Amino acid sequence: MTPSPIAFYLGPLEVRWYGLLVVTGAIVAAFLATREAARKGEDPERVWDMLLWLLPAGLIGARLYHVVSAWDLYKNDLLAIVTNWRGLAIYGAEAGGVLALWLYCRINKLSLARWLDIGAPGLILAQAIARWGNFFNQELYGLPTDLPWGLYIEPAYRYPELASFEKYHPLFLYESLWNLLVFLGLIWLARRGPKLLDGDLFCVYAIGYSTGRFFLESLRPEAWNLNGIRTAQIIALAIIVACTGIIVGRRLLARRTSGSEPPLA
């Protein structure tokens, strides 16, 4: 039994599981962000205003990253960049979303770091939900495996060099489960953990997601490479180092300038 990418039809229109799960994840993330905003004393209604900025920016960023990473598929058919949206990348979505949030916060004179923290738990939960869209599209699977939970992939969706194999590592599942663990950790930190500076929770999100992505990337049969090194692993490692540096560096700087810990958010 193999999944169908189409959830249902609205007249002649196809409603695909991938898009449905992406939208579902975004709505769930927004609802969770309203709870976090209220808990932090911010206006929850701003979340829905922000969503109108973040969704299109995230989709554009996700698409641009994919197009750059798979340029050989598009260089002779530029129209396919806008006519065939099968292919999105989470790092591009994150970059587009953060840029849009920065612009929104700058216009409305809000703290970017504070609102990044408000959105972080919902964002990783949305990623966990949206990853199941890859299951219905029969994509984001890994190397062949004989493990009991190996995922059957129809021949039409297999990589040509691995077409003789039937079952593969379900990378979408591994990442979804990892994201759920990161989500639980962020909720604990936000509500029961030690006091954090504004921006720390988002840094922990970025470190947590990128750590899982770094290791799971090694199971992908095909990936965008730079000089033989997987680009996603380079980005993941850079994010881990940068965000760890931000968390530690701000505290060291505060100790040097004031002789005490920085004020807690």
C-alpha atoms as a PDB file:
ATOM      1  CA  MET A   1       0.000   0.000   0.000  1.00  0.00           C
ATOM      2  CA  THR A   2       1.497   3.322  -1.088  1.00  0.00           C
ATOM      3  CA  PRO A   3       0.269   6.847  -0.282  1.00  0.00           C
ATOM      4  CA  SER A   4      -1.422   9.197  -2.712  1.00  0.00           C
ATOM      5  CA  PRO A   5      -0.130  12.775  -2.826  1.00  0.00           C
ATOM      6  CA  ILE A   6      -3.711  14.040  -3.327  1.00  0.00           C
ATOM      7  CA  ALA A   7      -5.847  14.476  -0.210  1.00  0.00           C
ATOM      8  CA  PHE A   8      -9.107  15.358  -1.975  1.00  0.00           C
ATOM      9  CA  TYR A   9     -10.581  17.319  -4.866  1.00  0.00           C
ATOM     10  CA  LEU A  10     -12.457  20.613  -4.863  1.00  0.00           C
ATOM     11  CA  GLY A  11     -14.151  20.354  -8.222  1.00  0.00           C
ATOM     12  CA  PRO A  12     -11.326  20.246 -10.754  1.00  0.00           C
ATOM     13  CA  LEU A  13      -8.734  21.371  -8.196  1.00  0.00           C
ATOM     14  CA  GLU A  14      -6.378  18.942  -6.487  1.00  0.00           C
ATOM     15  CA  VAL A  15      -5.707  19.529  -2.798  1.00  0.00           C
ATOM     16  CA  ARG A  16      -2.412  17.826  -2.027  1.00  0.00           C
ATOM     17  CA  TRP A  17      -1.331  16.461   1.310  1.00  0.00           C
ATOM     18  CA  TYR A  18       1.943  18.384   1.176  1.00  0.00           C
ATOM     19  CA  GLY A  19       0.299  21.777   0.934  1.00  0.00           C
ATOM     20  CA  LEU A  20      -2.411  20.812   3.399  1.00  0.00           C
ATOM     21  CA  LEU A  21       0.137  19.749   6.011  1.00  0.00           C
ATOM     22  CA  VAL A  22       2.289  22.847   5.492  1.00  0.00           C
ATOM     23  CA  VAL A  23      -0.742  25.085   6.056  1.00  0.00           C
ATOM     24  CA  THR A  24      -1.856  22.975   9.033  1.00  0.00           C
ATOM     25  CA  GLY A  25       1.591  23.294  10.574  1.00  0.00           C
ATOM     26  CA  ALA A  26       1.572  27.067  10.075  1.00  0.00           C
ATOM     27  CA  ILE A  27      -1.837  27.441  11.742  1.00  0.00           C
ATOM     28  CA  VAL A  28      -0.847  25.220  14.680  1.00  0.00           C
ATOM     29  CA  ALA A  29       2.365  27.237  15.073  1.00  0.00           C
ATOM     30  CA  ALA A  30       0.410  30.495  15.033  1.00  0.00           C
ATOM     31  CA  PHE A  31      -2.033  29.295  17.711  1.00  0.00           C
ATOM     32  CA  LEU A  32       0.859  28.198  19.904  1.00  0.00           C
ATOM     33  CA  ALA A  33       2.597  31.532  19.332  1.00  0.00           C
ATOM     34  CA  THR A  34      -0.517  33.403  20.526  1.00  0.00           C
ATOM     35  CA  ARG A  35      -0.319  31.444  23.783  1.00  0.00           C
ATOM     36  CA  GLU A  36       3.367  32.233  24.149  1.00  0.00           C
ATOM     37  CA  ALA A  37       2.790  35.906  23.334  1.00  0.00           C
ATOM     38  CA  ALA A  38       0.065  36.210  25.973  1.00  0.00           C
ATOM     39  CA  ARG A  39       2.281  34.439  28.507  1.00  0.00           C
ATOM     40  CA  LYS A  40       5.050  36.966  27.851  1.00  0.00           C
ATOM     41  CA  GLY A  41       2.692  39.934  28.086  1.00  0.00           C
ATOM     42  CA  GLU A  42       2.635  40.679  24.348  1.00  0.00           C
ATOM     43  CA  ASP A  43      -0.392  41.223  22.099  1.00  0.00           C
ATOM     44  CA  PRO A  44      -1.436  37.786  20.725  1.00  0.00           C
ATOM     45  CA  GLU A  45      -3.264  39.376  17.779  1.00  0.00           C
ATOM     46  CA  ARG A  46       0.067  40.468  16.328  1.00  0.00           C
ATOM     47  CA  VAL A  47       0.798  36.813  15.567  1.00  0.00           C
ATOM     48  CA  TRP A  48      -1.859  36.702  12.850  1.00  0.00           C
ATOM     49  CA  ASP A  49      -0.553  39.949  11.335  1.00  0.00           C
ATOM     50  CA  MET A  50       2.943  38.491  11.290  1.00  0.00           C
ATOM     51  CA  LEU A  51       1.714  35.285   9.691  1.00  0.00           C
ATOM     52  CA  LEU A  52       0.637  37.266   6.616  1.00  0.00           C
ATOM     53  CA  TRP A  53       4.256  38.375   6.266  1.00  0.00           C
ATOM     54  CA  LEU A  54       5.974  35.147   7.248  1.00  0.00           C
ATOM     55  CA  LEU A  55       4.083  32.641   5.079  1.00  0.00           C
ATOM     56  CA  PRO A  56       4.823  34.180   1.653  1.00  0.00           C
ATOM     57  CA  ALA A  57       8.368  35.133   2.664  1.00  0.00           C
ATOM     58  CA  GLY A  58       9.012  31.626   3.962  1.00  0.00           C
ATOM     59  CA  LEU A  59       7.647  29.991   0.815  1.00  0.00           C
ATOM     60  CA  ILE A  60       9.706  32.239  -1.443  1.00  0.00           C
ATOM     61  CA  GLY A  61      12.844  31.613   0.600  1.00  0.00           C
ATOM     62  CA  ALA A  62      12.225  27.854   0.610  1.00  0.00           C
ATOM     63  CA  ARG A  63      11.750  27.824  -3.126  1.00  0.00           C
ATOM     64  CA  LEU A  64      14.800  29.971  -3.883  1.00  0.00           C
ATOM     65  CA  TYR A  65      17.048  27.752  -1.776  1.00  0.00           C
ATOM     66  CA  HIS A  66      15.790  24.671  -3.589  1.00  0.00           C
ATOM     67  CA  VAL A  67      16.234  26.235  -7.027  1.00  0.00           C
ATOM     68  CA  VAL A  68      19.814  27.252  -6.236  1.00  0.00           C
ATOM     69  CA  SER A  69      20.594  23.815  -4.791  1.00  0.00           C
ATOM     70  CA  ALA A  70      19.129  22.030  -7.830  1.00  0.00           C
ATOM     71  CA  TRP A  71      20.066  24.554 -10.517  1.00  0.00           C
ATOM     72  CA  ASP A  72      20.842  21.853 -13.098  1.00  0.00           C
ATOM     73  CA  LEU A  73      17.124  20.992 -13.132  1.00  0.00           C
ATOM     74  CA  TYR A  74      16.067  24.560 -13.908  1.00  0.00           C
ATOM     75  CA  LYS A  75      18.821  26.201 -15.919  1.00  0.00           C
ATOM     76  CA  ASN A  76      17.294  25.013 -19.212  1.00  0.00           C
ATOM     77  CA  ASP A  77      13.687  25.540 -18.127  1.00  0.00           C
ATOM     78  CA  LEU A  78      13.449  28.745 -16.111  1.00  0.00           C
ATOM     79  CA  LEU A  79       9.654  28.750 -16.310  1.00  0.00           C
ATOM     80  CA  ALA A  80       9.593  25.614 -14.153  1.00  0.00           C
ATOM     81  CA  ILE A  81      10.843  27.728 -11.235  1.00  0.00           C
ATOM     82  CA  VAL A  82       7.380  29.277 -10.886  1.00  0.00           C
ATOM     83  CA  THR A  83       5.168  26.664 -12.574  1.00  0.00           C
ATOM     84  CA  ASN A  84       6.327  23.573 -10.676  1.00  0.00           C
ATOM     85  CA  TRP A  85       6.627  24.169  -6.948  1.00  0.00           C
ATOM     86  CA  ARG A  86       7.625  20.637  -6.037  1.00  0.00           C
ATOM     87  CA  GLY A  87      10.786  21.324  -4.127  1.00  0.00           C
ATOM     88  CA  LEU A  88      11.097  23.467  -0.983  1.00  0.00           C
ATOM     89  CA  ALA A  89      13.940  23.734   1.530  1.00  0.00           C
ATOM     90  CA  ILE A  90      13.558  24.439   5.242  1.00  0.00           C
ATOM     91  CA  TYR A  91      16.719  26.526   5.590  1.00  0.00           C
ATOM     92  CA  GLY A  92      15.442  28.827   2.863  1.00  0.00           C
ATOM     93  CA  ALA A  93      12.065  29.042   4.604  1.00  0.00           C
ATOM     94  CA  GLU A  94      13.759  29.959   7.880  1.00  0.00           C
ATOM     95  CA  ALA A  95      15.864  32.648   6.219  1.00  0.00           C
ATOM     96  CA  GLY A  96      12.858  34.164   4.449  1.00  0.00           C
ATOM     97  CA  GLY A  97      10.733  34.039   7.593  1.00  0.00           C
ATOM     98  CA  VAL A  98      13.365  35.630   9.824  1.00  0.00           C
ATOM     99  CA  LEU A  99      13.941  38.389   7.266  1.00  0.00           C
ATOM    100  CA  ALA A 100      10.202  39.110   7.102  1.00  0.00           C
ATOM    101  CA  LEU A 101       9.909  39.103  10.898  1.00  0.00           C
ATOM    102  CA  TRP A 102      12.877  41.465  11.179  1.00  0.00           C
ATOM    103  CA  LEU A 103      11.203  43.867   8.769  1.00  0.00           C
ATOM    104  CA  TYR A 104       7.849  43.628  10.587  1.00  0.00           C
ATOM    105  CA  CYS A 105       9.464  44.228  13.975  1.00  0.00           C
ATOM    106  CA  ARG A 106      11.488  47.144  12.652  1.00  0.00           C
ATOM    107  CA  ILE A 107       8.406  48.831  11.177  1.00  0.00           C
ATOM    108  CA  ASN A 108       6.349  48.261  14.318  1.00  0.00           C
ATOM    109  CA  LYS A 109       9.196  48.955  16.779  1.00  0.00           C
ATOM    110  CA  LEU A 110       9.109  45.512  18.385  1.00  0.00           C
ATOM    111  CA  SER A 111      11.890  43.340  19.778  1.00  0.00           C
ATOM    112  CA  LEU A 112      12.980  40.847  17.116  1.00  0.00           C
ATOM    113  CA  ALA A 113      14.693  38.589  19.665  1.00  0.00           C
ATOM    114  CA  ARG A 114      11.585  38.457  21.865  1.00  0.00           C
ATOM    115  CA  TRP A 115       9.290  37.558  18.983  1.00  0.00           C
ATOM    116  CA  LEU A 116      11.718  34.966  17.660  1.00  0.00           C
ATOM    117  CA  ASP A 117      11.456  33.271  21.052  1.00  0.00           C
ATOM    118  CA  ILE A 118       7.661  33.466  20.961  1.00  0.00           C
ATOM    119  CA  GLY A 119       7.573  31.716  17.605  1.00  0.00           C
ATOM    120  CA  ALA A 120      10.316  29.124  18.162  1.00  0.00           C
ATOM    121  CA  PRO A 121       8.288  26.277  19.774  1.00  0.00           C
ATOM    122  CA  GLY A 122       5.514  26.568  17.192  1.00  0.00           C
ATOM    123  CA  LEU A 123       8.001  26.686  14.339  1.00  0.00           C
ATOM    124  CA  ILE A 124       9.659  23.372  15.188  1.00  0.00           C
ATOM    125  CA  LEU A 125       6.232  21.778  15.769  1.00  0.00           C
ATOM    126  CA  ALA A 126       5.107  23.027  12.336  1.00  0.00           C
ATOM    127  CA  GLN A 127       8.207  21.424  10.807  1.00  0.00           C
ATOM    128  CA  ALA A 128       7.365  18.117  12.495  1.00  0.00           C
ATOM    129  CA  ILE A 129       3.856  18.236  11.013  1.00  0.00           C
ATOM    130  CA  ALA A 130       4.854  19.406   7.545  1.00  0.00           C
ATOM    131  CA  ARG A 131       7.499  16.692   7.164  1.00  0.00           C
ATOM    132  CA  TRP A 132       4.686  14.154   6.707  1.00  0.00           C
ATOM    133  CA  GLY A 133       3.957  15.824   3.385  1.00  0.00           C
ATOM    134  CA  ASN A 134       7.181  14.187   2.185  1.00  0.00           C
ATOM    135  CA  PHE A 135       5.678  10.797   3.025  1.00  0.00           C
ATOM    136  CA  PHE A 136       2.713  11.368   0.730  1.00  0.00           C
ATOM    137  CA  ASN A 137       5.017  12.666  -2.028  1.00  0.00           C
ATOM    138  CA  GLN A 138       7.365   9.684  -1.571  1.00  0.00           C
ATOM    139  CA  GLU A 139      10.359  11.961  -1.139  1.00  0.00           C
ATOM    140  CA  LEU A 140      12.953  12.732   1.540  1.00  0.00           C
ATOM    141  CA  TYR A 141      13.860   9.106   1.993  1.00  0.00           C
ATOM    142  CA  GLY A 142      17.347   7.852   2.722  1.00  0.00           C
ATOM    143  CA  LEU A 143      19.664   5.070   1.725  1.00  0.00           C
ATOM    144  CA  PRO A 144      18.344   1.519   1.234  1.00  0.00           C
ATOM    145  CA  THR A 145      17.730  -0.445   4.421  1.00  0.00           C
ATOM    146  CA  ASP A 146      16.567  -3.881   5.599  1.00  0.00           C
ATOM    147  CA  LEU A 147      15.292  -2.517   8.918  1.00  0.00           C
ATOM    148  CA  PRO A 148      11.675  -3.416   9.825  1.00  0.00           C
ATOM    149  CA  TRP A 149      10.565   0.194   9.471  1.00  0.00           C
ATOM    150  CA  GLY A 150      12.078   0.564   6.013  1.00  0.00           C
ATOM    151  CA  LEU A 151       9.854   2.648   3.738  1.00  0.00           C
ATOM    152  CA  TYR A 152       8.651   1.147   0.457  1.00  0.00           C
ATOM    153  CA  ILE A 153       9.111   3.565  -2.449  1.00  0.00           C
ATOM    154  CA  GLU A 154       7.405   3.040  -5.778  1.00  0.00           C
ATOM    155  CA  PRO A 155       9.826   2.562  -8.703  1.00  0.00           C
ATOM    156  CA  ALA A 156       8.795   5.858 -10.309  1.00  0.00           C
ATOM    157  CA  TYR A 157      10.047   7.794  -7.254  1.00  0.00           C
ATOM    158  CA  ARG A 158      13.328   5.960  -6.692  1.00  0.00           C
ATOM    159  CA  TYR A 159      16.744   7.403  -7.410  1.00  0.00           C
ATOM    160  CA  PRO A 160      17.958   5.813 -10.675  1.00  0.00           C
ATOM    161  CA  GLU A 161      21.153   4.491  -9.124  1.00  0.00           C
ATOM    162  CA  LEU A 162      19.159   2.826  -6.308  1.00  0.00           C
ATOM    163  CA  ALA A 163      16.191   1.632  -8.342  1.00  0.00           C
ATOM    164  CA  SER A 164      16.877  -2.046  -7.623  1.00  0.00           C
ATOM    165  CA  PHE A 165      16.092  -1.543  -3.922  1.00  0.00           C
ATOM    166  CA  GLU A 166      12.555  -1.417  -2.544  1.00  0.00           C
ATOM    167  CA  LYS A 167      12.897  -0.111   1.013  1.00  0.00           C
ATOM    168  CA  TYR A 168      14.703   2.971   2.299  1.00  0.00           C
ATOM    169  CA  HIS A 169      15.314   4.886   5.508  1.00  0.00           C
ATOM    170  CA  PRO A 170      12.260   7.115   6.203  1.00  0.00           C
ATOM    171  CA  LEU A 171      14.222  10.330   6.714  1.00  0.00           C
ATOM    172  CA  PHE A 172      11.036  12.393   6.911  1.00  0.00           C
ATOM    173  CA  LEU A 173       9.987  10.280   9.927  1.00  0.00           C
ATOM    174  CA  TYR A 174      13.363  10.550  11.634  1.00  0.00           C
ATOM    175  CA  GLU A 175      13.331  14.323  11.239  1.00  0.00           C
ATOM    176  CA  SER A 176       9.707  14.636  12.337  1.00  0.00           C
ATOM    177  CA  LEU A 177      10.378  12.661  15.530  1.00  0.00           C
ATOM    178  CA  TRP A 178      13.544  14.646  16.227  1.00  0.00           C
ATOM    179  CA  ASN A 179      11.628  17.896  15.766  1.00  0.00           C
ATOM    180  CA  LEU A 180       9.010  16.708  18.256  1.00  0.00           C
ATOM    181  CA  LEU A 181      11.759  16.089  20.828  1.00  0.00           C
ATOM    182  CA  VAL A 182      13.179  19.567  20.213  1.00  0.00           C
ATOM    183  CA  PHE A 183       9.660  21.012  20.572  1.00  0.00           C
ATOM    184  CA  LEU A 184       9.209  19.348  23.974  1.00  0.00           C
ATOM    185  CA  GLY A 185      12.590  20.658  25.081  1.00  0.00           C
ATOM    186  CA  LEU A 186      11.734  24.216  24.008  1.00  0.00           C
ATOM    187  CA  ILE A 187       8.382  24.134  25.802  1.00  0.00           C
ATOM    188  CA  TRP A 188      10.103  22.949  28.972  1.00  0.00           C
ATOM    189  CA  LEU A 189      12.756  25.669  28.707  1.00  0.00           C
ATOM    190  CA  ALA A 190      10.168  28.367  27.999  1.00  0.00           C
ATOM    191  CA  ARG A 191       7.827  27.444  30.837  1.00  0.00           C
ATOM    192  CA  ARG A 192       9.763  25.520  33.478  1.00  0.00           C
ATOM    193  CA  GLY A 193      13.430  25.885  32.687  1.00  0.00           C
ATOM    194  CA  PRO A 194      15.935  28.490  33.852  1.00  0.00           C
ATOM    195  CA  LYS A 195      15.365  32.119  32.969  1.00  0.00           C
ATOM    196  CA  LEU A 196      16.648  33.029  29.519  1.00  0.00           C
ATOM    197  CA  LEU A 197      17.643  36.163  27.692  1.00  0.00           C
ATOM    198  CA  ASP A 198      15.476  37.275  24.789  1.00  0.00           C
ATOM    199  CA  GLY A 199      16.667  35.382  21.750  1.00  0.00           C
ATOM    200  CA  ASP A 200      18.120  32.434  23.673  1.00  0.00           C
ATOM    201  CA  LEU A 201      15.151  30.161  23.040  1.00  0.00           C
ATOM    202  CA  PHE A 202      15.339  30.736  19.286  1.00  0.00           C
ATOM    203  CA  CYS A 203      19.069  29.991  19.416  1.00  0.00           C
ATOM    204  CA  VAL A 204      18.325  26.714  21.222  1.00  0.00           C
ATOM    205  CA  TYR A 205      15.738  25.917  18.526  1.00  0.00           C
ATOM    206  CA  ALA A 206      18.293  26.592  15.788  1.00  0.00           C
ATOM    207  CA  ILE A 207      20.943  24.487  17.545  1.00  0.00           C
ATOM    208  CA  GLY A 208      18.506  21.638  18.179  1.00  0.00           C
ATOM    209  CA  TYR A 209      17.131  21.456  14.662  1.00  0.00           C
ATOM    210  CA  SER A 210      20.532  21.864  13.023  1.00  0.00           C
ATOM    211  CA  THR A 211      22.070  19.110  15.166  1.00  0.00           C
ATOM    212  CA  GLY A 212      19.484  16.622  13.943  1.00  0.00           C
ATOM    213  CA  ARG A 213      19.796  17.846  10.379  1.00  0.00           C
ATOM    214  CA  PHE A 214      23.581  17.532  10.451  1.00  0.00           C
ATOM    215  CA  PHE A 215      23.464  13.815  11.274  1.00  0.00           C
ATOM    216  CA  LEU A 216      20.433  12.905   9.157  1.00  0.00           C
ATOM    217  CA  GLU A 217      21.922  14.557   6.095  1.00  0.00           C
ATOM    218  CA  SER A 218      24.500  11.782   5.895  1.00  0.00           C
ATOM    219  CA  LEU A 219      21.698   9.304   5.094  1.00  0.00           C
ATOM    220  CA  ARG A 220      20.500  11.183   2.014  1.00  0.00           C
ATOM    221  CA  PRO A 221      21.438   9.540  -1.302  1.00  0.00           C
ATOM    222  CA  GLU A 222      21.602  12.851  -3.132  1.00  0.00           C
ATOM    223  CA  ALA A 223      22.409  16.246  -1.689  1.00  0.00           C
ATOM    224  CA  TRP A 224      23.711  19.658  -2.729  1.00  0.00           C
ATOM    225  CA  ASN A 225      27.495  19.567  -2.298  1.00  0.00           C
ATOM    226  CA  LEU A 226      30.193  22.191  -2.152  1.00  0.00           C
ATOM    227  CA  ASN A 227      33.656  20.779  -2.858  1.00  0.00           C
ATOM    228  CA  GLY A 228      32.416  17.343  -1.890  1.00  0.00           C
ATOM    229  CA  ILE A 229      30.876  18.448   1.408  1.00  0.00           C
ATOM    230  CA  ARG A 230      27.102  18.462   1.888  1.00  0.00           C
ATOM    231  CA  THR A 231      25.915  22.074   1.936  1.00  0.00           C
ATOM    232  CA  ALA A 232      23.180  21.447   4.499  1.00  0.00           C
ATOM    233  CA  GLN A 233      25.790  20.066   6.907  1.00  0.00           C
ATOM    234  CA  ILE A 234      27.946  23.159   6.409  1.00  0.00           C
ATOM    235  CA  ILE A 235      24.960  25.396   7.135  1.00  0.00           C
ATOM    236  CA  ALA A 236      23.924  23.291  10.140  1.00  0.00           C
ATOM    237  CA  LEU A 237      27.397  23.411  11.636  1.00  0.00           C
ATOM    238  CA  ALA A 238      27.654  27.175  11.043  1.00  0.00           C
ATOM    239  CA  ILE A 239      24.297  27.727  12.774  1.00  0.00           C
ATOM    240  CA  ILE A 240      25.290  25.556  15.750  1.00  0.00           C
ATOM    241  CA  VAL A 241      28.575  27.432  16.201  1.00  0.00           C
ATOM    242  CA  ALA A 242      27.005  30.877  15.681  1.00  0.00           C
ATOM    243  CA  CYS A 243      24.055  30.351  18.027  1.00  0.00           C
ATOM    244  CA  THR A 244      26.211  28.757  20.718  1.00  0.00           C
ATOM    245  CA  GLY A 245      28.551  31.733  20.400  1.00  0.00           C
ATOM    246  CA  ILE A 246      25.648  34.162  20.781  1.00  0.00           C
ATOM    247  CA  ILE A 247      24.368  32.473  23.949  1.00  0.00           C
ATOM    248  CA  VAL A 248      27.788  32.231  25.580  1.00  0.00           C
ATOM    249  CA  GLY A 249      29.179  35.491  24.222  1.00  0.00           C
ATOM    250  CA  ARG A 250      26.383  37.701  25.547  1.00  0.00           C
ATOM    251  CA  ARG A 251      26.913  36.373  29.060  1.00  0.00           C
ATOM    252  CA  LEU A 252      30.673  36.775  28.951  1.00  0.00           C
ATOM    253  CA  LEU A 253      30.295  40.316  27.635  1.00  0.00           C
ATOM    254  CA  ALA A 254      27.820  41.208  30.388  1.00  0.00           C
ATOM    255  CA  ARG A 255      30.150  39.868  33.062  1.00  0.00           C
ATOM    256  CA  ARG A 256      33.044  41.921  31.741  1.00  0.00           C
ATOM    257  CA  THR A 257      31.075  45.154  31.525  1.00  0.00           C
ATOM    258  CA  SER A 258      29.008  44.900  34.720  1.00  0.00           C
ATOM    259  CA  GLY A 259      30.667  42.223  36.774  1.00  0.00           C
ATOM    260  CA  SER A 260      27.400  40.286  37.018  1.00  0.00           C
ATOM    261  CA  GLU A 261      25.021  38.184  34.966  1.00  0.00           C
ATOM    262  CA  PRO A 262      22.970  40.078  32.352  1.00  0.00           C
ATOM    263  CA  PRO A 263      19.361  40.940  33.248  1.00  0.00           C
ATOM    264  CA  LEU A 264      17.021  38.056  32.588  1.00  0.00           C
ATOM    265  CA  ALA A 265      14.031  38.265  30.272  1.00  0.00           C
END
